[in-house]
Amino acid sequence: IGPHHTYPDSLLTEIMDHVPGYCLWDEFD
């Protein structure tokens, strides 16, 4: 997760603030 994950880039900060535990499928246990 980082730059260019969302459009616009600012949406990522909003998601991280409002969607608890947001992470990627690649981070599988």
Full PDB file with SEQRES, HELIX, SHEET, SSBOND, CRYST1, ORIGX, SCALE, CONECT and MASTER records, all heavy atoms in Angstrom:
SEQRES   1 A   29  ILE GLY PRO HIS HIS THR TYR PRO ASP SER LEU LEU THR          
SEQRES   2 A   29  GLU ILE MET ASP HIS VAL PRO GLY TYR CYS LEU TRP ASP          
SEQRES   3 A   29  GLU PHE ASP                                                  
HELIX    1 AA1 SER A   10  HIS A   18  1                                   9    
HELIX    2 AA2 TRP A   25  GLU A   27  5                                   3    
CRYST1    1.000    1.000    1.000  90.00  90.00  90.00 P 1           1          
ORIGX1      1.000000  0.000000  0.000000        0.00000                         
ORIGX2      0.000000  1.000000  0.000000        0.00000                         
ORIGX3      0.000000  0.000000  1.000000        0.00000                         
SCALE1      1.000000  0.000000  0.000000        0.00000                         
SCALE2      0.000000  1.000000  0.000000        0.00000                         
SCALE3      0.000000  0.000000  1.000000        0.00000                         
ATOM      1  N   ILE A   1       0.842  -1.193   0.000  1.00  0.00           N  
ATOM      2  CA  ILE A   1       0.000   0.000   0.000  1.00  0.00           C  
ATOM      3  C   ILE A   1       0.877   1.242   0.000  1.00  0.00           C  
ATOM      4  O   ILE A   1       1.784   1.370   0.811  1.00  0.00           O  
ATOM      5  CB  ILE A   1      -0.933   0.009   1.219  1.00  0.00           C  
ATOM      6  CG1 ILE A   1      -1.964  -1.122   1.099  1.00  0.00           C  
ATOM      7  CG2 ILE A   1      -1.647   1.340   1.359  1.00  0.00           C  
ATOM      8  CD1 ILE A   1      -2.854  -1.265   2.308  1.00  0.00           C  
ATOM      9  N   GLY A   2       0.599   2.134  -0.928  1.00  0.00           N  
ATOM     10  CA  GLY A   2       1.382   3.356  -1.040  1.00  0.00           C  
ATOM     11  C   GLY A   2       0.896   4.175  -2.217  1.00  0.00           C  
ATOM     12  O   GLY A   2      -0.274   4.078  -2.619  1.00  0.00           O  
ATOM     13  N   PRO A   3       1.783   4.984  -2.817  1.00  0.00           N  
ATOM     14  CA  PRO A   3       1.392   5.843  -3.929  1.00  0.00           C  
ATOM     15  C   PRO A   3       0.775   5.048  -5.078  1.00  0.00           C  
ATOM     16  O   PRO A   3       1.180   3.920  -5.356  1.00  0.00           O  
ATOM     17  CB  PRO A   3       2.720   6.481  -4.352  1.00  0.00           C  
ATOM     18  CG  PRO A   3       3.598   6.398  -3.147  1.00  0.00           C  
ATOM     19  CD  PRO A   3       3.189   5.140  -2.437  1.00  0.00           C  
ATOM     20  N   HIS A   4      -0.204   5.640  -5.704  1.00  0.00           N  
ATOM     21  CA  HIS A   4      -0.881   5.089  -6.886  1.00  0.00           C  
ATOM     22  C   HIS A   4      -1.757   3.875  -6.574  1.00  0.00           C  
ATOM     23  O   HIS A   4      -2.219   3.200  -7.477  1.00  0.00           O  
ATOM     24  CB  HIS A   4       0.115   4.752  -7.999  1.00  0.00           C  
ATOM     25  CG  HIS A   4       1.110   5.841  -8.258  1.00  0.00           C  
ATOM     26  ND1 HIS A   4       0.725   7.106  -8.649  1.00  0.00           N  
ATOM     27  CD2 HIS A   4       2.453   5.862  -8.155  1.00  0.00           C  
ATOM     28  CE1 HIS A   4       1.813   7.855  -8.784  1.00  0.00           C  
ATOM     29  NE2 HIS A   4       2.868   7.129  -8.491  1.00  0.00           N  
ATOM     30  N   HIS A   5      -1.986   3.615  -5.286  1.00  0.00           N  
ATOM     31  CA  HIS A   5      -2.894   2.530  -4.907  1.00  0.00           C  
ATOM     32  C   HIS A   5      -4.340   2.929  -5.199  1.00  0.00           C  
ATOM     33  O   HIS A   5      -5.173   2.073  -5.514  1.00  0.00           O  
ATOM     34  CB  HIS A   5      -2.711   2.212  -3.423  1.00  0.00           C  
ATOM     35  CG  HIS A   5      -3.631   1.164  -2.894  1.00  0.00           C  
ATOM     36  ND1 HIS A   5      -3.526  -0.159  -3.249  1.00  0.00           N  
ATOM     37  CD2 HIS A   5      -4.683   1.235  -2.036  1.00  0.00           C  
ATOM     38  CE1 HIS A   5      -4.468  -0.860  -2.642  1.00  0.00           C  
ATOM     39  NE2 HIS A   5      -5.180  -0.035  -1.906  1.00  0.00           N  
ATOM     40  N   THR A   6      -4.616   4.222  -5.079  1.00  0.00           N  
ATOM     41  CA  THR A   6      -5.960   4.732  -5.341  1.00  0.00           C  
ATOM     42  C   THR A   6      -5.884   5.914  -6.296  1.00  0.00           C  
ATOM     43  O   THR A   6      -4.842   6.516  -6.496  1.00  0.00           O  
ATOM     44  CB  THR A   6      -6.629   5.220  -4.039  1.00  0.00           C  
ATOM     45  OG1 THR A   6      -5.856   6.301  -3.495  1.00  0.00           O  
ATOM     46  CG2 THR A   6      -6.747   4.101  -3.026  1.00  0.00           C  
ATOM     47  N   TYR A   7      -7.024   6.220  -6.879  1.00  0.00           N  
ATOM     48  CA  TYR A   7      -7.171   7.493  -7.595  1.00  0.00           C  
ATOM     49  C   TYR A   7      -8.398   8.177  -7.013  1.00  0.00           C  
ATOM     50  O   TYR A   7      -9.470   7.563  -6.957  1.00  0.00           O  
ATOM     51  CB  TYR A   7      -7.345   7.305  -9.100  1.00  0.00           C  
ATOM     52  CG  TYR A   7      -7.517   8.652  -9.770  1.00  0.00           C  
ATOM     53  CD1 TYR A   7      -6.401   9.404 -10.104  1.00  0.00           C  
ATOM     54  CD2 TYR A   7      -8.787   9.184  -9.987  1.00  0.00           C  
ATOM     55  CE1 TYR A   7      -6.548  10.668 -10.660  1.00  0.00           C  
ATOM     56  CE2 TYR A   7      -8.938  10.445 -10.546  1.00  0.00           C  
ATOM     57  CZ  TYR A   7      -7.823  11.174 -10.879  1.00  0.00           C  
ATOM     58  OH  TYR A   7      -7.960  12.428 -11.420  1.00  0.00           O  
ATOM     59  N   PRO A   8      -8.238   9.427  -6.584  1.00  0.00           N  
ATOM     60  CA  PRO A   8      -6.963  10.141  -6.456  1.00  0.00           C  
ATOM     61  C   PRO A   8      -6.135   9.570  -5.302  1.00  0.00           C  
ATOM     62  O   PRO A   8      -6.650   8.824  -4.470  1.00  0.00           O  
ATOM     63  CB  PRO A   8      -7.404  11.580  -6.171  1.00  0.00           C  
ATOM     64  CG  PRO A   8      -8.743  11.440  -5.503  1.00  0.00           C  
ATOM     65  CD  PRO A   8      -9.386  10.235  -6.118  1.00  0.00           C  
ATOM     66  N   ASP A   9      -4.866   9.947  -5.252  1.00  0.00           N  
ATOM     67  CA  ASP A   9      -3.983   9.438  -4.203  1.00  0.00           C  
ATOM     68  C   ASP A   9      -4.536   9.721  -2.806  1.00  0.00           C  
ATOM     69  O   ASP A   9      -4.372   8.925  -1.883  1.00  0.00           O  
ATOM     70  CB  ASP A   9      -2.577  10.056  -4.323  1.00  0.00           C  
ATOM     71  CG  ASP A   9      -1.761   9.402  -5.430  1.00  0.00           C  
ATOM     72  OD1 ASP A   9      -2.058   8.241  -5.788  1.00  0.00           O  
ATOM     73  OD2 ASP A   9      -0.824  10.051  -5.933  1.00  0.00           O  
ATOM     74  N   SER A  10      -5.211  10.840  -2.650  1.00  0.00           N  
ATOM     75  CA  SER A  10      -5.746  11.231  -1.334  1.00  0.00           C  
ATOM     76  C   SER A  10      -6.818  10.266  -0.829  1.00  0.00           C  
ATOM     77  O   SER A  10      -7.103  10.223   0.373  1.00  0.00           O  
ATOM     78  CB  SER A  10      -6.312  12.646  -1.398  1.00  0.00           C  
ATOM     79  OG  SER A  10      -7.356  12.713  -2.360  1.00  0.00           O  
ATOM     80  N   LEU A  11      -7.412   9.491  -1.723  1.00  0.00           N  
ATOM     81  CA  LEU A  11      -8.448   8.546  -1.308  1.00  0.00           C  
ATOM     82  C   LEU A  11      -7.876   7.487  -0.364  1.00  0.00           C  
ATOM     83  O   LEU A  11      -8.579   7.000   0.518  1.00  0.00           O  
ATOM     84  CB  LEU A  11      -9.079   7.881  -2.541  1.00  0.00           C  
ATOM     85  CG  LEU A  11     -10.173   6.853  -2.270  1.00  0.00           C  
ATOM     86  CD1 LEU A  11     -11.342   7.476  -1.521  1.00  0.00           C  
ATOM     87  CD2 LEU A  11     -10.645   6.231  -3.593  1.00  0.00           C  
ATOM     88  N   LEU A  12      -6.599   7.134  -0.527  1.00  0.00           N  
ATOM     89  CA  LEU A  12      -5.998   6.119   0.321  1.00  0.00           C  
ATOM     90  C   LEU A  12      -6.016   6.539   1.793  1.00  0.00           C  
ATOM     91  O   LEU A  12      -6.373   5.744   2.676  1.00  0.00           O  
ATOM     92  CB  LEU A  12      -4.568   5.811  -0.120  1.00  0.00           C  
ATOM     93  CG  LEU A  12      -3.840   4.760   0.712  1.00  0.00           C  
ATOM     94  CD1 LEU A  12      -4.605   3.446   0.743  1.00  0.00           C  
ATOM     95  CD2 LEU A  12      -2.422   4.548   0.176  1.00  0.00           C  
ATOM     96  N   THR A  13      -5.654   7.792   2.076  1.00  0.00           N  
ATOM     97  CA  THR A  13      -5.686   8.285   3.450  1.00  0.00           C  
ATOM     98  C   THR A  13      -7.098   8.212   4.017  1.00  0.00           C  
ATOM     99  O   THR A  13      -7.310   7.805   5.165  1.00  0.00           O  
ATOM    100  CB  THR A  13      -5.176   9.735   3.511  1.00  0.00           C  
ATOM    101  OG1 THR A  13      -3.851   9.775   2.969  1.00  0.00           O  
ATOM    102  CG2 THR A  13      -5.167  10.269   4.927  1.00  0.00           C  
ATOM    103  N   GLU A  14      -8.073   8.561   3.201  1.00  0.00           N  
ATOM    104  CA  GLU A  14      -9.470   8.511   3.629  1.00  0.00           C  
ATOM    105  C   GLU A  14      -9.888   7.074   3.954  1.00  0.00           C  
ATOM    106  O   GLU A  14     -10.558   6.820   4.956  1.00  0.00           O  
ATOM    107  CB  GLU A  14     -10.345   9.092   2.510  1.00  0.00           C  
ATOM    108  CG  GLU A  14     -11.774   9.305   2.889  1.00  0.00           C  
ATOM    109  CD  GLU A  14     -12.558   9.984   1.772  1.00  0.00           C  
ATOM    110  OE1 GLU A  14     -11.945  10.589   0.857  1.00  0.00           O  
ATOM    111  OE2 GLU A  14     -13.801   9.882   1.818  1.00  0.00           O  
ATOM    112  N   ILE A  15      -9.475   6.142   3.110  1.00  0.00           N  
ATOM    113  CA  ILE A  15      -9.805   4.732   3.352  1.00  0.00           C  
ATOM    114  C   ILE A  15      -9.163   4.252   4.649  1.00  0.00           C  
ATOM    115  O   ILE A  15      -9.810   3.595   5.470  1.00  0.00           O  
ATOM    116  CB  ILE A  15      -9.344   3.869   2.159  1.00  0.00           C  
ATOM    117  CG1 ILE A  15     -10.229   4.138   0.935  1.00  0.00           C  
ATOM    118  CG2 ILE A  15      -9.373   2.377   2.519  1.00  0.00           C  
ATOM    119  CD1 ILE A  15      -9.719   3.515  -0.351  1.00  0.00           C  
ATOM    120  N   MET A  16      -7.893   4.577   4.829  1.00  0.00           N  
ATOM    121  CA  MET A  16      -7.195   4.133   6.031  1.00  0.00           C  
ATOM    122  C   MET A  16      -7.843   4.705   7.303  1.00  0.00           C  
ATOM    123  O   MET A  16      -7.840   4.061   8.344  1.00  0.00           O  
ATOM    124  CB  MET A  16      -5.718   4.530   5.977  1.00  0.00           C  
ATOM    125  CG  MET A  16      -4.954   3.945   4.800  1.00  0.00           C  
ATOM    126  SD  MET A  16      -4.931   2.141   4.752  1.00  0.00           S  
ATOM    127  CE  MET A  16      -3.634   1.795   5.908  1.00  0.00           C  
ATOM    128  N   ASP A  17      -8.437   5.898   7.174  1.00  0.00           N  
ATOM    129  CA  ASP A  17      -9.093   6.530   8.320  1.00  0.00           C  
ATOM    130  C   ASP A  17     -10.475   5.954   8.614  1.00  0.00           C  
ATOM    131  O   ASP A  17     -10.945   6.004   9.754  1.00  0.00           O  
ATOM    132  CB  ASP A  17      -9.232   8.040   8.089  1.00  0.00           C  
ATOM    133  CG  ASP A  17      -7.901   8.773   8.177  1.00  0.00           C  
ATOM    134  OD1 ASP A  17      -6.941   8.197   8.731  1.00  0.00           O  
ATOM    135  OD2 ASP A  17      -7.828   9.918   7.683  1.00  0.00           O  
ATOM    136  N   HIS A  18     -11.155   5.416   7.582  1.00  0.00           N  
ATOM    137  CA  HIS A  18     -12.559   5.028   7.736  1.00  0.00           C  
ATOM    138  C   HIS A  18     -12.838   3.538   7.594  1.00  0.00           C  
ATOM    139  O   HIS A  18     -13.970   3.098   7.855  1.00  0.00           O  
ATOM    140  CB  HIS A  18     -13.429   5.803   6.748  1.00  0.00           C  
ATOM    141  CG  HIS A  18     -13.507   7.265   7.040  1.00  0.00           C  
ATOM    142  ND1 HIS A  18     -12.630   8.178   6.501  1.00  0.00           N  
ATOM    143  CD2 HIS A  18     -14.336   7.968   7.845  1.00  0.00           C  
ATOM    144  CE1 HIS A  18     -12.922   9.382   6.935  1.00  0.00           C  
ATOM    145  NE2 HIS A  18     -13.949   9.290   7.763  1.00  0.00           N  
ATOM    146  N   VAL A  19     -11.869   2.765   7.145  1.00  0.00           N  
ATOM    147  CA  VAL A  19     -12.074   1.317   6.985  1.00  0.00           C  
ATOM    148  C   VAL A  19     -11.083   0.597   7.910  1.00  0.00           C  
ATOM    149  O   VAL A  19      -9.923   0.404   7.549  1.00  0.00           O  
ATOM    150  CB  VAL A  19     -11.879   0.871   5.516  1.00  0.00           C  
ATOM    151  CG1 VAL A  19     -12.129  -0.629   5.382  1.00  0.00           C  
ATOM    152  CG2 VAL A  19     -12.815   1.657   4.595  1.00  0.00           C  
ATOM    153  N   PRO A  20     -11.516   0.232   9.113  1.00  0.00           N  
ATOM    154  CA  PRO A  20     -10.607  -0.378  10.092  1.00  0.00           C  
ATOM    155  C   PRO A  20      -9.934  -1.638   9.543  1.00  0.00           C  
ATOM    156  O   PRO A  20     -10.579  -2.494   8.939  1.00  0.00           O  
ATOM    157  CB  PRO A  20     -11.530  -0.728  11.260  1.00  0.00           C  
ATOM    158  CG  PRO A  20     -12.708   0.175  11.106  1.00  0.00           C  
ATOM    159  CD  PRO A  20     -12.881   0.380   9.620  1.00  0.00           C  
ATOM    160  N   GLY A  21      -8.618  -1.718   9.729  1.00  0.00           N  
ATOM    161  CA  GLY A  21      -7.874  -2.912   9.335  1.00  0.00           C  
ATOM    162  C   GLY A  21      -7.622  -3.052   7.858  1.00  0.00           C  
ATOM    163  O   GLY A  21      -7.206  -4.124   7.406  1.00  0.00           O  
ATOM    164  N   TYR A  22      -7.860  -1.991   7.069  1.00  0.00           N  
ATOM    165  CA  TYR A  22      -7.697  -2.109   5.623  1.00  0.00           C  
ATOM    166  C   TYR A  22      -6.300  -2.627   5.276  1.00  0.00           C  
ATOM    167  O   TYR A  22      -5.289  -2.136   5.762  1.00  0.00           O  
ATOM    168  CB  TYR A  22      -7.926  -0.759   4.926  1.00  0.00           C  
ATOM    169  CG  TYR A  22      -7.784  -0.872   3.423  1.00  0.00           C  
ATOM    170  CD1 TYR A  22      -8.764  -1.493   2.667  1.00  0.00           C  
ATOM    171  CD2 TYR A  22      -6.648  -0.389   2.773  1.00  0.00           C  
ATOM    172  CE1 TYR A  22      -8.629  -1.621   1.294  1.00  0.00           C  
ATOM    173  CE2 TYR A  22      -6.506  -0.519   1.407  1.00  0.00           C  
ATOM    174  CZ  TYR A  22      -7.503  -1.137   0.676  1.00  0.00           C  
ATOM    175  OH  TYR A  22      -7.357  -1.284  -0.692  1.00  0.00           O  
ATOM    176  N   CYS A  23      -6.254  -3.666   4.461  1.00  0.00           N  
ATOM    177  CA  CYS A  23      -4.991  -4.239   4.003  1.00  0.00           C  
ATOM    178  C   CYS A  23      -5.247  -4.962   2.688  1.00  0.00           C  
ATOM    179  O   CYS A  23      -6.372  -4.994   2.194  1.00  0.00           O  
ATOM    180  CB  CYS A  23      -4.387  -5.173   5.046  1.00  0.00           C  
ATOM    181  SG  CYS A  23      -5.442  -6.571   5.468  1.00  0.00           S  
ATOM    182  N   LEU A  24      -4.213  -5.562   2.136  1.00  0.00           N  
ATOM    183  CA  LEU A  24      -4.286  -6.179   0.822  1.00  0.00           C  
ATOM    184  C   LEU A  24      -4.370  -7.698   0.928  1.00  0.00           C  
ATOM    185  O   LEU A  24      -3.894  -8.303   1.882  1.00  0.00           O  
ATOM    186  CB  LEU A  24      -3.046  -5.802   0.004  1.00  0.00           C  
ATOM    187  CG  LEU A  24      -2.778  -4.304  -0.122  1.00  0.00           C  
ATOM    188  CD1 LEU A  24      -1.474  -4.075  -0.863  1.00  0.00           C  
ATOM    189  CD2 LEU A  24      -3.927  -3.620  -0.833  1.00  0.00           C  
ATOM    190  N   TRP A  25      -4.934  -8.316  -0.107  1.00  0.00           N  
ATOM    191  CA  TRP A  25      -4.991  -9.776  -0.151  1.00  0.00           C  
ATOM    192  C   TRP A  25      -3.598 -10.387  -0.164  1.00  0.00           C  
ATOM    193  O   TRP A  25      -3.382 -11.490   0.318  1.00  0.00           O  
ATOM    194  CB  TRP A  25      -5.758 -10.237  -1.385  1.00  0.00           C  
ATOM    195  CG  TRP A  25      -7.239 -10.191  -1.199  1.00  0.00           C  
ATOM    196  CD1 TRP A  25      -8.104  -9.244  -1.673  1.00  0.00           C  
ATOM    197  CD2 TRP A  25      -8.049 -11.112  -0.472  1.00  0.00           C  
ATOM    198  NE1 TRP A  25      -9.387  -9.530  -1.284  1.00  0.00           N  
ATOM    199  CE2 TRP A  25      -9.382 -10.683  -0.561  1.00  0.00           C  
ATOM    200  CE3 TRP A  25      -7.770 -12.278   0.244  1.00  0.00           C  
ATOM    201  CZ2 TRP A  25     -10.430 -11.368   0.042  1.00  0.00           C  
ATOM    202  CZ3 TRP A  25      -8.820 -12.960   0.836  1.00  0.00           C  
ATOM    203  CH2 TRP A  25     -10.134 -12.504   0.736  1.00  0.00           C  
ATOM    204  N   ASP A  26      -2.620  -9.688  -0.698  1.00  0.00           N  
ATOM    205  CA  ASP A  26      -1.268 -10.235  -0.754  1.00  0.00           C  
ATOM    206  C   ASP A  26      -0.676 -10.424   0.633  1.00  0.00           C  
ATOM    207  O   ASP A  26       0.341 -11.088   0.788  1.00  0.00           O  
ATOM    208  CB  ASP A  26      -0.353  -9.303  -1.573  1.00  0.00           C  
ATOM    209  CG  ASP A  26      -0.659  -9.385  -3.054  1.00  0.00           C  
ATOM    210  OD1 ASP A  26      -1.445 -10.266  -3.446  1.00  0.00           O  
ATOM    211  OD2 ASP A  26      -0.114  -8.580  -3.816  1.00  0.00           O  
ATOM    212  N   GLU A  27      -1.289  -9.847   1.639  1.00  0.00           N  
ATOM    213  CA  GLU A  27      -0.784  -9.959   3.001  1.00  0.00           C  
ATOM    214  C   GLU A  27      -1.426 -11.141   3.733  1.00  0.00           C  
ATOM    215  O   GLU A  27      -1.769 -11.083   4.899  1.00  0.00           O  
ATOM    216  CB  GLU A  27      -1.026  -8.642   3.744  1.00  0.00           C  
ATOM    217  CG  GLU A  27      -0.282  -7.477   3.119  1.00  0.00           C  
ATOM    218  CD  GLU A  27      -0.725  -6.123   3.644  1.00  0.00           C  
ATOM    219  OE1 GLU A  27      -1.550  -6.081   4.581  1.00  0.00           O  
ATOM    220  OE2 GLU A  27      -0.260  -5.107   3.106  1.00  0.00           O  
ATOM    221  N   PHE A  28      -1.582 -12.238   3.025  1.00  0.00           N  
ATOM    222  CA  PHE A  28      -2.215 -13.444   3.548  1.00  0.00           C  
ATOM    223  C   PHE A  28      -1.351 -14.127   4.588  1.00  0.00           C  
ATOM    224  O   PHE A  28      -0.136 -14.193   4.466  1.00  0.00           O  
ATOM    225  CB  PHE A  28      -2.425 -14.430   2.402  1.00  0.00           C  
ATOM    226  CG  PHE A  28      -3.853 -14.810   2.166  1.00  0.00           C  
ATOM    227  CD1 PHE A  28      -4.170 -15.643   1.110  1.00  0.00           C  
ATOM    228  CD2 PHE A  28      -4.865 -14.365   2.984  1.00  0.00           C  
ATOM    229  CE1 PHE A  28      -5.472 -16.019   0.873  1.00  0.00           C  
ATOM    230  CE2 PHE A  28      -6.172 -14.734   2.755  1.00  0.00           C  
ATOM    231  CZ  PHE A  28      -6.472 -15.562   1.693  1.00  0.00           C  
ATOM    232  N   ASP A  29      -1.980 -14.688   5.597  1.00  0.00           N  
ATOM    233  CA  ASP A  29      -1.307 -15.534   6.571  1.00  0.00           C  
ATOM    234  C   ASP A  29      -1.469 -16.974   6.084  1.00  0.00           C  
ATOM    235  O   ASP A  29      -2.565 -17.517   6.092  1.00  0.00           O  
ATOM    236  CB  ASP A  29      -1.961 -15.350   7.950  1.00  0.00           C  
ATOM    237  CG  ASP A  29      -1.305 -16.204   9.013  1.00  0.00           C  
ATOM    238  OD1 ASP A  29      -0.486 -17.081   8.651  1.00  0.00           O  
ATOM    239  OD2 ASP A  29      -1.610 -16.002  10.183  1.00  0.00           O  
TER     240      ASP A  29                                                      
MASTER        0    0    0    2    0    0    0    6  239    1    0    3          
END                                                                             
